[in-house]
Amino acid sequence: MLEEGNTYAVMLYTWRSCSRAIPQVKCNEQANRSEIYEKTVEVLEPEVQKLMDFMHFQVFCMVINSLAFARIQRFSLKNPAVFSCLTNALAPPSIALGSCSTAQTDRPV
């Protein structure tokens, strides 16, 4: 899952400069504007599919995160200190709460 996420991160980073390479229609009266639009769609279709795949991957990751968090909550009913440490380990650094020395020192900044 991490490798796939890294692949999508690289893809999104390189996408930023692609828009500059696409020919732009100068005005609505331009004779070949529909040809430009058609070719643009033709060329970008595989890349748009990659973005759709990324969207599905993102939803998949959110579901996995929710399931994992629900399991942690059920487990933590028996041991609240474990819940605090595990939720801090899974939470983004900006919202990590509580104190657990392992979770805080292992987290990259």
Protein backbone atom coordinates (compact mmCIF):
# COMPACT_ATOMS: atom_id res chain seq x y z
CA MET A 1 0.00 0.00 0.00
CA LEU A 2 2.89 2.36 0.79
CA GLU A 3 4.61 1.63 -2.53
CA GLU A 4 1.40 2.30 -4.45
CA GLY A 5 0.89 5.54 -2.52
CA ASN A 6 4.44 6.63 -3.33
CA THR A 7 3.82 5.91 -7.01
CA TYR A 8 0.73 8.13 -6.97
CA ALA A 9 2.61 10.89 -5.14
CA VAL A 10 5.27 10.92 -7.86
CA MET A 11 2.58 10.89 -10.55
CA LEU A 12 0.78 13.89 -9.01
CA TYR A 13 4.03 15.80 -8.66
CA THR A 14 4.88 15.33 -12.35
CA TRP A 15 1.33 16.24 -13.42
CA ARG A 16 1.88 19.83 -12.30
CA SER A 17 4.00 20.67 -15.34
CA CYS A 18 1.91 18.80 -17.93
CA SER A 19 -0.67 21.54 -18.42
CA ARG A 20 1.93 23.87 -19.92
CA ALA A 21 2.57 21.42 -22.77
CA ILE A 22 -1.09 21.22 -23.85
CA PRO A 23 -1.90 23.51 -26.77
CA GLN A 24 -4.47 26.15 -25.90
CA VAL A 25 -7.26 27.48 -28.11
CA LYS A 26 -6.68 31.19 -28.69
CA CYS A 27 -10.33 32.12 -29.28
CA ASN A 28 -13.72 30.49 -29.93
CA GLU A 29 -13.47 31.29 -33.65
CA GLN A 30 -10.22 29.37 -34.12
CA ALA A 31 -10.72 26.98 -37.04
CA ASN A 32 -9.05 23.91 -35.54
CA ARG A 33 -10.31 24.28 -31.96
CA SER A 34 -12.40 21.08 -31.99
CA GLU A 35 -9.40 19.15 -33.33
CA ILE A 36 -7.26 20.57 -30.51
CA TYR A 37 -9.89 19.52 -27.94
CA GLU A 38 -10.20 16.02 -29.41
CA LYS A 39 -6.44 15.45 -29.51
CA THR A 40 -6.08 16.78 -25.97
CA VAL A 41 -8.67 14.30 -24.71
CA GLU A 42 -7.05 11.49 -26.71
CA VAL A 43 -3.60 12.21 -25.32
CA LEU A 44 -4.71 12.76 -21.72
CA GLU A 45 -7.11 9.82 -21.47
CA PRO A 46 -4.52 7.37 -20.04
CA GLU A 47 -3.36 9.98 -17.54
CA VAL A 48 -6.92 10.77 -16.49
CA GLN A 49 -7.41 7.04 -15.92
CA LYS A 50 -4.38 7.11 -13.61
CA LEU A 51 -6.01 9.95 -11.66
CA MET A 52 -9.21 7.91 -11.40
CA ASP A 53 -7.15 4.97 -10.10
CA PHE A 54 -5.59 7.31 -7.54
CA MET A 55 -9.05 8.45 -6.43
CA HIS A 56 -10.10 4.82 -5.90
CA PHE A 57 -6.84 4.11 -4.03
CA GLN A 58 -7.49 7.09 -1.76
CA VAL A 59 -10.99 5.82 -0.94
CA PHE A 60 -9.54 2.35 -0.30
CA CYS A 61 -6.98 3.81 2.13
CA MET A 62 -9.66 5.77 3.97
CA VAL A 63 -11.72 2.59 4.41
CA ILE A 64 -8.70 0.65 5.67
CA ASN A 65 -7.89 3.47 8.10
CA SER A 66 -11.47 3.51 9.40
CA LEU A 67 -11.51 -0.25 9.87
CA ALA A 68 -8.16 -0.19 11.65
CA PHE A 69 -9.25 2.65 13.91
CA ALA A 70 -12.51 0.84 14.79
CA ARG A 71 -10.53 -2.29 15.69
CA ILE A 72 -8.16 -0.23 17.85
CA GLN A 73 -11.12 1.33 19.64
CA ARG A 74 -12.64 -2.09 20.40
CA PHE A 75 -9.28 -3.37 21.62
CA SER A 76 -8.66 -0.28 23.72
CA LEU A 77 -11.79 -0.75 25.81
CA LYS A 78 -9.71 -3.25 27.75
CA ASN A 79 -6.64 -0.98 28.02
CA PRO A 80 -7.08 2.82 27.59
CA ALA A 81 -3.31 3.47 27.70
CA VAL A 82 -2.83 1.27 24.62
CA PHE A 83 -5.58 3.22 22.85
CA SER A 84 -3.80 6.50 23.51
CA CYS A 85 -0.49 5.20 22.15
CA LEU A 86 -2.02 3.57 19.08
CA THR A 87 -4.20 6.53 18.11
CA ASN A 88 -1.21 8.87 18.41
CA ALA A 89 0.80 6.53 16.19
CA LEU A 90 -1.94 6.57 13.52
CA ALA A 91 -2.99 10.21 13.77
CA PRO A 92 -1.35 12.96 11.71
CA PRO A 93 1.24 14.88 13.76
CA SER A 94 -0.95 17.98 13.90
CA ILE A 95 -3.68 16.18 15.87
CA ALA A 96 -1.75 13.68 17.96
CA LEU A 97 -2.93 13.87 21.56
CA GLY A 98 -1.96 12.25 24.82
CA SER A 99 1.43 11.04 25.81
CA CYS A 100 3.16 7.94 24.64
CA SER A 101 6.92 8.21 24.37
CA THR A 102 7.21 5.52 21.68
CA ALA A 103 4.61 7.05 19.38
CA GLN A 104 6.03 10.53 19.69
CA THR A 105 9.70 9.68 19.22
CA ASP A 106 9.16 7.30 16.27
CA ARG A 107 7.04 9.79 14.33
CA PRO A 108 8.90 11.55 11.46
CA VAL A 109 8.60 15.32 11.55
